[in-house]
Amino acid sequence: MTDPHVLHPDHAPTPFTADEIRSATPAGYTVETVTEQAGAVSRRRTEFTAVDTDHATMVMRPIDERGEPTGDPREVVATWTDLQAHASFPAEITELSRDTIETPLGTISCLRYDVSSDDHTNTFWFSPEHPGMPIRLTSDAQNAPTTTVVSIIRPA
């Protein structure tokens, strides 16, 4: 039996399968992120506007601190496996652990992925409570951005 968390034989398991992401992400599911880099702050809202068995359509737009749009929206269509693949990293450079972090969403127990290259390490924290994108992403590379999920809206 093949592990659905492993997309490539030489990769570490992903935190979520495509099916887990799809099940947790209905139409209307919305995520807001804040990215900080070199003293600048940017915000983005991603809304899943349409979903089916195979695909998700997302509209991404920059927003201000009040949540008001500040730029043109961008529509992206991806398969659920495409979304899962964003967290598929070569096993030889990936260290998996558990960690608890403080976020605007509260204290969250996470699956932590430290992915190292020759000159830096990117760290991703994935919340089992929120299958999909990482709750936080950092890097120890010089002037690298830090992105944090600040809001998740689930449709009623």
N, C-alpha and C. Protein backbone atom coordinates (compact mmCIF):
# COMPACT_ATOMS: atom_id res chain seq x y z
N MET A 1 0.84 -1.19 0.00
CA MET A 1 0.00 0.00 0.00
C MET A 1 0.89 1.25 0.00
N THR A 2 0.55 2.20 -0.82
CA THR A 2 1.31 3.44 -0.94
C THR A 2 0.78 4.47 0.06
N ASP A 3 1.70 5.19 0.71
CA ASP A 3 1.31 6.23 1.67
C ASP A 3 0.88 7.47 0.88
N PRO A 4 -0.37 7.92 1.02
CA PRO A 4 -0.83 9.09 0.26
C PRO A 4 -0.17 10.40 0.71
N HIS A 5 0.58 10.36 1.82
CA HIS A 5 1.32 11.55 2.26
C HIS A 5 2.65 11.71 1.51
N VAL A 6 3.09 10.66 0.82
CA VAL A 6 4.38 10.69 0.13
C VAL A 6 4.12 10.80 -1.37
N LEU A 7 4.50 11.94 -1.95
CA LEU A 7 4.25 12.18 -3.37
C LEU A 7 5.38 11.70 -4.27
N HIS A 8 6.59 11.61 -3.72
CA HIS A 8 7.76 11.15 -4.48
C HIS A 8 8.55 10.22 -3.57
N PRO A 9 9.14 9.16 -4.12
CA PRO A 9 9.82 8.17 -3.28
C PRO A 9 10.95 8.74 -2.42
N ASP A 10 11.60 9.81 -2.89
CA ASP A 10 12.71 10.38 -2.13
C ASP A 10 12.30 11.61 -1.30
N HIS A 11 10.99 11.83 -1.14
CA HIS A 11 10.49 12.98 -0.38
C HIS A 11 9.95 12.55 0.98
N ALA A 12 9.99 13.48 1.92
CA ALA A 12 9.38 13.27 3.23
C ALA A 12 7.86 13.27 3.06
N PRO A 13 7.14 12.67 3.99
CA PRO A 13 5.68 12.73 3.90
C PRO A 13 5.19 14.16 4.07
N THR A 14 4.13 14.49 3.37
CA THR A 14 3.51 15.80 3.53
C THR A 14 2.63 15.78 4.78
N PRO A 15 2.34 16.93 5.36
CA PRO A 15 1.51 16.94 6.57
C PRO A 15 0.07 16.53 6.31
N PHE A 16 -0.41 16.77 5.08
CA PHE A 16 -1.80 16.47 4.74
C PHE A 16 -1.85 15.85 3.36
N THR A 17 -2.82 14.99 3.15
CA THR A 17 -3.07 14.44 1.82
C THR A 17 -3.94 15.42 1.03
N ALA A 18 -4.01 15.20 -0.26
CA ALA A 18 -4.90 16.02 -1.09
C ALA A 18 -6.34 15.89 -0.60
N ASP A 19 -6.75 14.69 -0.24
CA ASP A 19 -8.12 14.48 0.26
C ASP A 19 -8.38 15.21 1.57
N GLU A 20 -7.39 15.23 2.46
CA GLU A 20 -7.55 15.95 3.73
C GLU A 20 -7.69 17.45 3.50
N ILE A 21 -6.91 17.98 2.57
CA ILE A 21 -7.00 19.41 2.26
C ILE A 21 -8.37 19.72 1.65
N ARG A 22 -8.80 18.89 0.70
CA ARG A 22 -10.10 19.10 0.06
C ARG A 22 -11.22 19.05 1.09
N SER A 23 -11.19 18.08 1.99
CA SER A 23 -12.25 17.93 3.00
C SER A 23 -12.33 19.13 3.94
N ALA A 24 -11.19 19.78 4.17
CA ALA A 24 -11.14 20.90 5.12
C ALA A 24 -11.37 22.25 4.45
N THR A 25 -11.54 22.27 3.12
CA THR A 25 -11.54 23.53 2.39
C THR A 25 -12.76 23.65 1.48
N PRO A 26 -13.91 24.00 2.05
CA PRO A 26 -15.09 24.20 1.21
C PRO A 26 -15.05 25.56 0.51
N ALA A 27 -15.92 25.73 -0.46
CA ALA A 27 -16.07 27.05 -1.09
C ALA A 27 -16.42 28.06 0.00
N GLY A 28 -15.77 29.21 -0.06
CA GLY A 28 -15.97 30.25 0.95
C GLY A 28 -14.89 30.25 2.02
N TYR A 29 -14.11 29.18 2.12
CA TYR A 29 -13.00 29.12 3.08
C TYR A 29 -12.03 30.25 2.74
N THR A 30 -11.66 31.04 3.72
CA THR A 30 -10.83 32.22 3.48
C THR A 30 -9.70 32.28 4.50
N VAL A 31 -8.50 32.57 4.02
CA VAL A 31 -7.31 32.68 4.86
C VAL A 31 -6.69 34.06 4.64
N GLU A 32 -6.35 34.73 5.74
CA GLU A 32 -5.62 36.00 5.63
C GLU A 32 -4.23 35.80 6.22
N THR A 33 -3.23 36.33 5.52
CA THR A 33 -1.84 36.23 5.96
C THR A 33 -1.20 37.61 6.05
N VAL A 34 -0.20 37.68 6.91
CA VAL A 34 0.64 38.87 7.02
C VAL A 34 2.06 38.43 6.73
N THR A 35 2.73 39.15 5.86
CA THR A 35 4.13 38.88 5.55
C THR A 35 4.96 40.09 5.95
N GLU A 36 6.01 39.82 6.72
CA GLU A 36 6.92 40.88 7.16
C GLU A 36 8.29 40.61 6.54
N GLN A 37 8.85 41.67 5.94
CA GLN A 37 10.17 41.55 5.33
C GLN A 37 10.86 42.90 5.34
N ALA A 38 12.03 42.93 5.94
CA ALA A 38 12.85 44.14 5.98
C ALA A 38 12.05 45.35 6.46
N GLY A 39 11.23 45.16 7.48
CA GLY A 39 10.46 46.25 8.06
C GLY A 39 9.16 46.57 7.35
N ALA A 40 8.94 45.98 6.20
CA ALA A 40 7.69 46.21 5.46
C ALA A 40 6.69 45.10 5.78
N VAL A 41 5.42 45.46 5.78
CA VAL A 41 4.35 44.50 6.07
C VAL A 41 3.37 44.49 4.90
N SER A 42 3.03 43.29 4.45
CA SER A 42 1.99 43.16 3.42
C SER A 42 0.98 42.13 3.90
N ARG A 43 -0.24 42.28 3.43
CA ARG A 43 -1.34 41.40 3.82
C ARG A 43 -1.99 40.84 2.56
N ARG A 44 -2.51 39.60 2.70
CA ARG A 44 -3.18 38.98 1.57
C ARG A 44 -4.36 38.14 2.07
N ARG A 45 -5.43 38.18 1.29
CA ARG A 45 -6.59 37.34 1.56
C ARG A 45 -6.69 36.33 0.41
N THR A 46 -6.85 35.07 0.76
CA THR A 46 -7.07 34.01 -0.22
C THR A 46 -8.41 33.38 0.07
N GLU A 47 -9.33 33.45 -0.91
CA GLU A 47 -10.65 32.85 -0.74
C GLU A 47 -10.82 31.73 -1.76
N PHE A 48 -11.26 30.58 -1.27
CA PHE A 48 -11.60 29.47 -2.14
C PHE A 48 -13.01 29.74 -2.65
N THR A 49 -13.11 30.13 -3.91
CA THR A 49 -14.40 30.55 -4.46
C THR A 49 -15.19 29.41 -5.08
N ALA A 50 -14.50 28.37 -5.53
CA ALA A 50 -15.17 27.20 -6.10
C ALA A 50 -14.29 25.98 -5.85
N VAL A 51 -14.92 24.89 -5.48
CA VAL A 51 -14.19 23.65 -5.27
C VAL A 51 -15.00 22.50 -5.86
N ASP A 52 -14.28 21.49 -6.34
CA ASP A 52 -14.93 20.26 -6.77
C ASP A 52 -14.03 19.11 -6.36
N THR A 53 -14.32 17.93 -6.85
CA THR A 53 -13.56 16.75 -6.45
C THR A 53 -12.08 16.87 -6.78
N ASP A 54 -11.76 17.52 -7.88
CA ASP A 54 -10.37 17.56 -8.35
C ASP A 54 -9.66 18.90 -8.19
N HIS A 55 -10.41 20.02 -8.16
CA HIS A 55 -9.80 21.35 -8.25
C HIS A 55 -10.33 22.32 -7.20
N ALA A 56 -9.51 23.34 -6.98
CA ALA A 56 -9.92 24.49 -6.17
C ALA A 56 -9.63 25.74 -6.99
N THR A 57 -10.57 26.66 -6.96
CA THR A 57 -10.36 27.98 -7.55
C THR A 57 -10.22 28.96 -6.39
N MET A 58 -9.11 29.68 -6.38
CA MET A 58 -8.82 30.63 -5.32
C MET A 58 -8.67 32.02 -5.90
N VAL A 59 -9.16 33.00 -5.16
CA VAL A 59 -8.95 34.40 -5.52
C VAL A 59 -8.07 34.99 -4.43
N MET A 60 -6.91 35.51 -4.85
CA MET A 60 -5.96 36.11 -3.93
C MET A 60 -5.92 37.60 -4.20
N ARG A 61 -5.92 38.38 -3.11
CA ARG A 61 -5.86 39.83 -3.29
C ARG A 61 -5.11 40.46 -2.12
N PRO A 62 -4.34 41.51 -2.42
CA PRO A 62 -3.71 42.25 -1.33
C PRO A 62 -4.77 43.04 -0.58
N ILE A 63 -4.56 43.17 0.73
CA ILE A 63 -5.51 43.92 1.57
C ILE A 63 -4.73 44.82 2.53
N ASP A 64 -5.44 45.80 3.10
CA ASP A 64 -4.83 46.65 4.11
C ASP A 64 -5.12 46.09 5.49
N GLU A 65 -4.69 46.81 6.53
CA GLU A 65 -4.85 46.33 7.91
C GLU A 65 -6.32 46.23 8.33
N ARG A 66 -7.21 46.88 7.61
CA ARG A 66 -8.65 46.79 7.90
C ARG A 66 -9.32 45.69 7.09
N GLY A 67 -8.55 45.04 6.20
CA GLY A 67 -9.11 43.99 5.37
C GLY A 67 -9.69 44.47 4.06
N GLU A 68 -9.47 45.76 3.75
CA GLU A 68 -9.98 46.32 2.50
C GLU A 68 -9.00 46.02 1.35
N PRO A 69 -9.51 45.69 0.17
CA PRO A 69 -8.64 45.40 -0.97
C PRO A 69 -7.76 46.60 -1.33
N THR A 70 -6.50 46.32 -1.68
CA THR A 70 -5.58 47.38 -2.08
C THR A 70 -5.02 47.15 -3.48
N GLY A 71 -5.46 46.12 -4.13
CA GLY A 71 -4.96 45.83 -5.47
C GLY A 71 -5.89 44.87 -6.18
N ASP A 72 -5.51 44.55 -7.40
CA ASP A 72 -6.33 43.67 -8.21
C ASP A 72 -6.28 42.24 -7.72
N PRO A 73 -7.40 41.53 -7.80
CA PRO A 73 -7.41 40.11 -7.42
C PRO A 73 -6.72 39.27 -8.49
N ARG A 74 -6.21 38.14 -8.05
CA ARG A 74 -5.60 37.18 -8.97
C ARG A 74 -6.28 35.84 -8.74
N GLU A 75 -6.79 35.23 -9.79
CA GLU A 75 -7.46 33.94 -9.68
C GLU A 75 -6.48 32.83 -10.03
N VAL A 76 -6.49 31.78 -9.21
CA VAL A 76 -5.63 30.62 -9.42
C VAL A 76 -6.49 29.37 -9.33
N VAL A 77 -6.30 28.46 -10.27
CA VAL A 77 -6.96 27.16 -10.22
C VAL A 77 -5.87 26.11 -10.02
N ALA A 78 -6.05 25.24 -9.04
CA ALA A 78 -5.07 24.20 -8.74
C ALA A 78 -5.78 22.90 -8.39
N THR A 79 -5.10 21.81 -8.63
CA THR A 79 -5.64 20.54 -8.16
C THR A 79 -5.31 20.42 -6.68
N TRP A 80 -6.03 19.55 -6.00
CA TRP A 80 -5.75 19.31 -4.57
C TRP A 80 -4.36 18.72 -4.41
N THR A 81 -3.94 17.91 -5.36
CA THR A 81 -2.58 17.35 -5.30
C THR A 81 -1.54 18.45 -5.50
N ASP A 82 -1.83 19.44 -6.35
CA ASP A 82 -0.92 20.59 -6.50
C ASP A 82 -0.74 21.28 -5.15
N LEU A 83 -1.83 21.48 -4.42
CA LEU A 83 -1.75 22.14 -3.12
C LEU A 83 -0.97 21.28 -2.13
N GLN A 84 -1.19 19.98 -2.14
CA GLN A 84 -0.42 19.08 -1.28
C GLN A 84 1.07 19.16 -1.62
N ALA A 85 1.38 19.23 -2.91
CA ALA A 85 2.77 19.22 -3.36
C ALA A 85 3.58 20.41 -2.86
N HIS A 86 2.92 21.50 -2.48
CA HIS A 86 3.65 22.65 -1.93
C HIS A 86 4.39 22.28 -0.65
N ALA A 87 3.99 21.19 0.00
CA ALA A 87 4.63 20.75 1.24
C ALA A 87 5.41 19.45 1.06
N SER A 88 5.77 19.15 -0.17
CA SER A 88 6.55 17.94 -0.46
C SER A 88 8.01 18.34 -0.67
N PHE A 89 8.87 17.87 0.24
CA PHE A 89 10.28 18.26 0.23
C PHE A 89 11.16 17.03 0.24
N PRO A 90 12.36 17.10 -0.37
CA PRO A 90 13.26 15.95 -0.34
C PRO A 90 13.56 15.52 1.10
N ALA A 91 13.45 14.23 1.35
CA ALA A 91 13.65 13.69 2.70
C ALA A 91 15.04 13.99 3.25
N GLU A 92 16.05 13.96 2.40
CA GLU A 92 17.42 14.13 2.89
C GLU A 92 17.71 15.53 3.44
N ILE A 93 16.87 16.51 3.10
CA ILE A 93 17.10 17.87 3.62
C ILE A 93 15.98 18.34 4.54
N THR A 94 15.07 17.43 4.90
CA THR A 94 13.90 17.79 5.69
C THR A 94 13.91 17.11 7.04
N GLU A 95 13.78 17.91 8.09
CA GLU A 95 13.66 17.38 9.45
C GLU A 95 12.24 17.65 9.94
N LEU A 96 11.57 16.59 10.38
CA LEU A 96 10.21 16.69 10.88
C LEU A 96 10.20 16.63 12.40
N SER A 97 9.38 17.47 13.01
CA SER A 97 9.24 17.45 14.47
C SER A 97 7.88 18.02 14.83
N ARG A 98 7.60 18.05 16.11
CA ARG A 98 6.37 18.67 16.61
C ARG A 98 6.78 19.91 17.39
N ASP A 99 5.93 20.93 17.34
CA ASP A 99 6.24 22.19 18.00
C ASP A 99 4.93 22.88 18.36
N THR A 100 4.95 23.69 19.38
CA THR A 100 3.80 24.50 19.74
C THR A 100 4.20 25.96 19.60
N ILE A 101 3.37 26.72 18.87
CA ILE A 101 3.70 28.13 18.62
C ILE A 101 2.53 29.02 18.99
N GLU A 102 2.86 30.27 19.30
CA GLU A 102 1.86 31.31 19.55
C GLU A 102 1.61 32.02 18.22
N THR A 103 0.34 32.16 17.87
CA THR A 103 -0.02 32.82 16.62
C THR A 103 -1.23 33.72 16.89
N PRO A 104 -1.59 34.55 15.93
CA PRO A 104 -2.83 35.32 16.08
C PRO A 104 -4.07 34.42 16.20
N LEU A 105 -3.95 33.16 15.79
CA LEU A 105 -5.04 32.20 15.93
C LEU A 105 -5.07 31.55 17.31
N GLY A 106 -4.03 31.82 18.12
CA GLY A 106 -3.92 31.21 19.45
C GLY A 106 -2.69 30.32 19.52
N THR A 107 -2.62 29.54 20.59
CA THR A 107 -1.52 28.59 20.77
C THR A 107 -1.86 27.34 19.96
N ILE A 108 -0.96 26.95 19.05
CA ILE A 108 -1.26 25.86 18.14
C ILE A 108 -0.14 24.82 18.18
N SER A 109 -0.55 23.56 18.35
CA SER A 109 0.38 22.43 18.22
C SER A 109 0.55 22.16 16.73
N CYS A 110 1.78 22.13 16.27
CA CYS A 110 2.05 22.04 14.84
C CYS A 110 3.00 20.90 14.49
N LEU A 111 2.94 20.53 13.23
CA LEU A 111 3.95 19.70 12.61
C LEU A 111 4.96 20.67 12.03
N ARG A 112 6.22 20.52 12.44
CA ARG A 112 7.26 21.46 12.00
C ARG A 112 8.15 20.78 10.96
N TYR A 113 8.37 21.48 9.86
CA TYR A 113 9.24 21.01 8.79
C TYR A 113 10.39 22.00 8.66
N ASP A 114 11.61 21.55 8.95
CA ASP A 114 12.81 22.36 8.73
C ASP A 114 13.46 21.82 7.46
N VAL A 115 13.50 22.66 6.43
CA VAL A 115 14.02 22.25 5.13
C VAL A 115 15.29 23.05 4.88
N SER A 116 16.42 22.34 4.85
CA SER A 116 17.73 22.99 4.78
C SER A 116 18.36 22.88 3.40
N SER A 117 18.98 23.98 2.99
CA SER A 117 19.80 23.97 1.78
C SER A 117 21.22 24.26 2.22
N ASP A 118 22.10 24.52 1.29
CA ASP A 118 23.50 24.79 1.64
C ASP A 118 23.67 26.03 2.50
N ASP A 119 22.81 27.04 2.28
CA ASP A 119 23.05 28.32 2.97
C ASP A 119 21.93 28.80 3.87
N HIS A 120 20.80 28.09 3.93
CA HIS A 120 19.73 28.54 4.82
C HIS A 120 18.74 27.41 5.11
N THR A 121 17.90 27.66 6.09
CA THR A 121 16.84 26.72 6.44
C THR A 121 15.51 27.45 6.42
N ASN A 122 14.54 26.87 5.72
CA ASN A 122 13.16 27.35 5.75
C ASN A 122 12.40 26.49 6.74
N THR A 123 11.60 27.13 7.57
CA THR A 123 10.81 26.39 8.55
C THR A 123 9.34 26.66 8.31
N PHE A 124 8.58 25.56 8.24
CA PHE A 124 7.14 25.59 7.99
C PHE A 124 6.44 24.96 9.20
N TRP A 125 5.42 25.61 9.72
CA TRP A 125 4.60 25.05 10.79
C TRP A 125 3.22 24.78 10.22
N PHE A 126 2.80 23.52 10.23
CA PHE A 126 1.49 23.12 9.73
C PHE A 126 0.61 22.72 10.90
N SER A 127 -0.62 23.21 10.93
CA SER A 127 -1.55 22.90 12.00
C SER A 127 -2.46 21.75 11.60
N PRO A 128 -2.44 20.63 12.34
CA PRO A 128 -3.38 19.55 12.05
C PRO A 128 -4.84 20.00 12.12
N GLU A 129 -5.12 21.06 12.86
CA GLU A 129 -6.49 21.60 12.94
C GLU A 129 -6.90 22.36 11.68
N HIS A 130 -5.92 22.75 10.87
CA HIS A 130 -6.19 23.57 9.69
C HIS A 130 -5.43 22.99 8.48
N PRO A 131 -5.88 21.84 7.94
CA PRO A 131 -5.17 21.25 6.80
C PRO A 131 -5.07 22.23 5.63
N GLY A 132 -3.87 22.34 5.11
CA GLY A 132 -3.62 23.25 3.99
C GLY A 132 -2.30 23.95 4.16
N MET A 133 -2.30 25.23 3.92
CA MET A 133 -1.06 26.00 3.95
C MET A 133 -0.47 26.06 5.35
N PRO A 134 0.85 26.35 5.45
CA PRO A 134 1.44 26.46 6.78
C PRO A 134 0.87 27.65 7.55
N ILE A 135 0.79 27.49 8.85
CA ILE A 135 0.33 28.56 9.74
C ILE A 135 1.41 29.64 9.84
N ARG A 136 2.66 29.23 9.72
CA ARG A 136 3.77 30.19 9.72
C ARG A 136 4.88 29.63 8.84
N LEU A 137 5.60 30.53 8.18
CA LEU A 137 6.75 30.19 7.35
C LEU A 137 7.84 31.20 7.64
N THR A 138 9.03 30.69 8.01
CA THR A 138 10.17 31.57 8.23
C THR A 138 11.39 30.99 7.53
N SER A 139 12.41 31.81 7.44
CA SER A 139 13.69 31.38 6.88
C SER A 139 14.80 32.10 7.62
N ASP A 140 15.94 31.43 7.77
CA ASP A 140 17.07 32.11 8.38
C ASP A 140 17.96 32.78 7.33
N ALA A 141 17.52 32.81 6.08
CA ALA A 141 18.25 33.53 5.04
C ALA A 141 18.16 35.03 5.31
N GLN A 142 19.18 35.76 4.93
CA GLN A 142 19.21 37.20 5.16
C GLN A 142 18.04 37.88 4.45
N ASN A 143 17.34 38.77 5.17
CA ASN A 143 16.20 39.54 4.66
C ASN A 143 15.04 38.69 4.14
N ALA A 144 14.94 37.46 4.62
CA ALA A 144 13.85 36.59 4.19
C ALA A 144 12.55 37.01 4.86
N PRO A 145 11.44 36.84 4.17
CA PRO A 145 10.15 37.19 4.77
C PRO A 145 9.69 36.15 5.78
N THR A 146 8.81 36.58 6.68
CA THR A 146 8.09 35.69 7.58
C THR A 146 6.61 35.87 7.27
N THR A 147 5.93 34.78 7.00
CA THR A 147 4.50 34.83 6.70
C THR A 147 3.74 34.09 7.78
N THR A 148 2.68 34.71 8.28
CA THR A 148 1.87 34.13 9.34
C THR A 148 0.40 34.23 8.97
N VAL A 149 -0.34 33.14 9.19
CA VAL A 149 -1.79 33.17 9.02
C VAL A 149 -2.37 33.93 10.21
N VAL A 150 -3.17 34.93 9.94
CA VAL A 150 -3.76 35.73 11.02
C VAL A 150 -5.25 35.52 11.16
N SER A 151 -5.88 34.92 10.14
CA SER A 151 -7.33 34.72 10.20
C SER A 151 -7.71 33.56 9.29
N ILE A 152 -8.62 32.73 9.77
CA ILE A 152 -9.22 31.68 8.95
C ILE A 152 -10.73 31.80 9.13
N ILE A 153 -11.42 31.91 8.01
CA ILE A 153 -12.88 32.01 8.06
C ILE A 153 -13.44 30.77 7.37
N ARG A 154 -14.22 30.01 8.11
CA ARG A 154 -14.89 28.84 7.55
C ARG A 154 -16.34 29.21 7.29
N PRO A 155 -16.85 28.88 6.11
CA PRO A 155 -18.25 29.22 5.83
C PRO A 155 -19.19 28.43 6.74
N ALA A 156 -20.33 29.02 7.03
CA ALA A 156 -21.31 28.37 7.92
C ALA A 156 -21.96 27.18 7.26
